């Protein structure tokens, strides 16, 4: 399935639905942790830049979802 083009803020909103919350900001990255598993994900937040497809696929894998399940969360 083809990956969508996402802005960092949209990705963070989807991760919030998956019980990830913002722990801190380090430079231009937002560090998120899961409430139950304490898993940590780092999302780069650069002005007006989209998340690259390889990084998006990696973040989706870290959440344990398939691409199809992730797209349904949007």
C-alpha atoms as a PDB file:
ATOM      1  CA  UNK A   1       0.000   0.000   0.000  1.00  0.00           C
ATOM      2  CA  UNK A   2       1.265   3.465  -0.874  1.00  0.00           C
ATOM      3  CA  UNK A   3       2.339   5.717   1.982  1.00  0.00           C
ATOM      4  CA  UNK A   4       0.725   9.143   2.317  1.00  0.00           C
ATOM      5  CA  UNK A   5       2.716  12.372   2.463  1.00  0.00           C
ATOM      6  CA  UNK A   6       2.432  13.723   6.001  1.00  0.00           C
ATOM      7  CA  UNK A   7       3.467  16.829   7.861  1.00  0.00           C
ATOM      8  CA  UNK A   8       5.091  16.202  11.261  1.00  0.00           C
ATOM      9  CA  UNK A   9       2.142  17.669  13.206  1.00  0.00           C
ATOM     10  CA  UNK A  10      -0.279  15.259  11.466  1.00  0.00           C
ATOM     11  CA  UNK A  11       1.964  12.317  12.357  1.00  0.00           C
ATOM     12  CA  UNK A  12       2.103  13.456  15.988  1.00  0.00           C
ATOM     13  CA  UNK A  13      -1.721  13.664  16.109  1.00  0.00           C
ATOM     14  CA  UNK A  14      -1.982  10.056  14.871  1.00  0.00           C
ATOM     15  CA  UNK A  15       0.598   8.942  17.439  1.00  0.00           C
ATOM     16  CA  UNK A  16      -1.440  10.711  20.143  1.00  0.00           C
ATOM     17  CA  UNK A  17      -4.420   8.543  19.150  1.00  0.00           C
ATOM     18  CA  UNK A  18      -2.148   5.522  19.763  1.00  0.00           C
ATOM     19  CA  UNK A  19      -1.515   6.687  23.361  1.00  0.00           C
ATOM     20  CA  UNK A  20       1.837   8.341  22.657  1.00  0.00           C
ATOM     21  CA  UNK A  21       2.403  11.581  24.546  1.00  0.00           C
ATOM     22  CA  UNK A  22       5.050  14.275  24.229  1.00  0.00           C
ATOM     23  CA  UNK A  23       7.891  13.783  26.689  1.00  0.00           C
ATOM     24  CA  UNK A  24      10.189  16.591  25.554  1.00  0.00           C
ATOM     25  CA  UNK A  25      11.484  18.596  22.630  1.00  0.00           C
ATOM     26  CA  UNK A  26      15.151  18.297  21.755  1.00  0.00           C
ATOM     27  CA  UNK A  27      16.220  20.752  19.088  1.00  0.00           C
ATOM     28  CA  UNK A  28      13.911  20.231  16.141  1.00  0.00           C
ATOM     29  CA  UNK A  29      12.710  16.795  17.307  1.00  0.00           C
ATOM     30  CA  UNK A  30       9.695  15.887  19.409  1.00  0.00           C
ATOM     31  CA  UNK A  31      10.214  12.841  21.629  1.00  0.00           C
ATOM     32  CA  UNK A  32       7.063  10.795  22.266  1.00  0.00           C
ATOM     33  CA  UNK A  33       6.554   7.883  24.664  1.00  0.00           C
ATOM     34  CA  UNK A  34       3.765   5.320  24.862  1.00  0.00           C
ATOM     35  CA  UNK A  35       1.680   5.367  28.049  1.00  0.00           C
ATOM     36  CA  UNK A  36       1.551   1.588  28.434  1.00  0.00           C
ATOM     37  CA  UNK A  37       4.718   0.175  26.855  1.00  0.00           C
ATOM     38  CA  UNK A  38       7.013   3.192  27.494  1.00  0.00           C
ATOM     39  CA  UNK A  39       8.260   2.855  23.905  1.00  0.00           C
ATOM     40  CA  UNK A  40       9.952   6.029  22.620  1.00  0.00           C
ATOM     41  CA  UNK A  41       9.619   7.538  19.130  1.00  0.00           C
ATOM     42  CA  UNK A  42      11.419  10.619  17.842  1.00  0.00           C
ATOM     43  CA  UNK A  43       9.688  12.776  15.196  1.00  0.00           C
ATOM     44  CA  UNK A  44      11.623  15.509  13.368  1.00  0.00           C
ATOM     45  CA  UNK A  45       9.668  18.768  13.161  1.00  0.00           C
ATOM     46  CA  UNK A  46      11.236  20.967  10.496  1.00  0.00           C
ATOM     47  CA  UNK A  47       9.496  24.031   9.055  1.00  0.00           C
ATOM     48  CA  UNK A  48       7.231  23.155   6.101  1.00  0.00           C
ATOM     49  CA  UNK A  49       8.977  19.829   5.396  1.00  0.00           C
ATOM     50  CA  UNK A  50       7.168  16.535   4.974  1.00  0.00           C
ATOM     51  CA  UNK A  51       8.184  13.329   6.730  1.00  0.00           C
ATOM     52  CA  UNK A  52      10.243  11.237   4.298  1.00  0.00           C
ATOM     53  CA  UNK A  53       8.736   7.904   3.296  1.00  0.00           C
ATOM     54  CA  UNK A  54      11.527   5.750   4.781  1.00  0.00           C
ATOM     55  CA  UNK A  55      11.251   7.465   8.154  1.00  0.00           C
ATOM     56  CA  UNK A  56       7.449   7.240   8.087  1.00  0.00           C
ATOM     57  CA  UNK A  57       7.626   3.505   7.339  1.00  0.00           C
ATOM     58  CA  UNK A  58      10.093   3.060  10.216  1.00  0.00           C
ATOM     59  CA  UNK A  59       7.837   4.933  12.653  1.00  0.00           C
ATOM     60  CA  UNK A  60       4.829   2.860  11.546  1.00  0.00           C
ATOM     61  CA  UNK A  61       6.842  -0.324  12.182  1.00  0.00           C
ATOM     62  CA  UNK A  62       7.795   0.914  15.659  1.00  0.00           C
ATOM     63  CA  UNK A  63       4.122   1.397  16.550  1.00  0.00           C
ATOM     64  CA  UNK A  64       3.344  -2.204  15.611  1.00  0.00           C
ATOM     65  CA  UNK A  65       0.736  -1.240  13.010  1.00  0.00           C
ATOM     66  CA  UNK A  66       0.577  -2.165   9.356  1.00  0.00           C
ATOM     67  CA  UNK A  67       0.560   0.597   6.747  1.00  0.00           C
ATOM     68  CA  UNK A  68      -3.125  -0.099   6.070  1.00  0.00           C
ATOM     69  CA  UNK A  69      -4.039   0.203   9.773  1.00  0.00           C
ATOM     70  CA  UNK A  70      -2.010   3.414  10.034  1.00  0.00           C
ATOM     71  CA  UNK A  71      -3.754   4.986   7.025  1.00  0.00           C
ATOM     72  CA  UNK A  72      -7.153   4.120   8.563  1.00  0.00           C
ATOM     73  CA  UNK A  73      -6.095   6.071  11.696  1.00  0.00           C
ATOM     74  CA  UNK A  74      -5.687   9.221   9.589  1.00  0.00           C
END
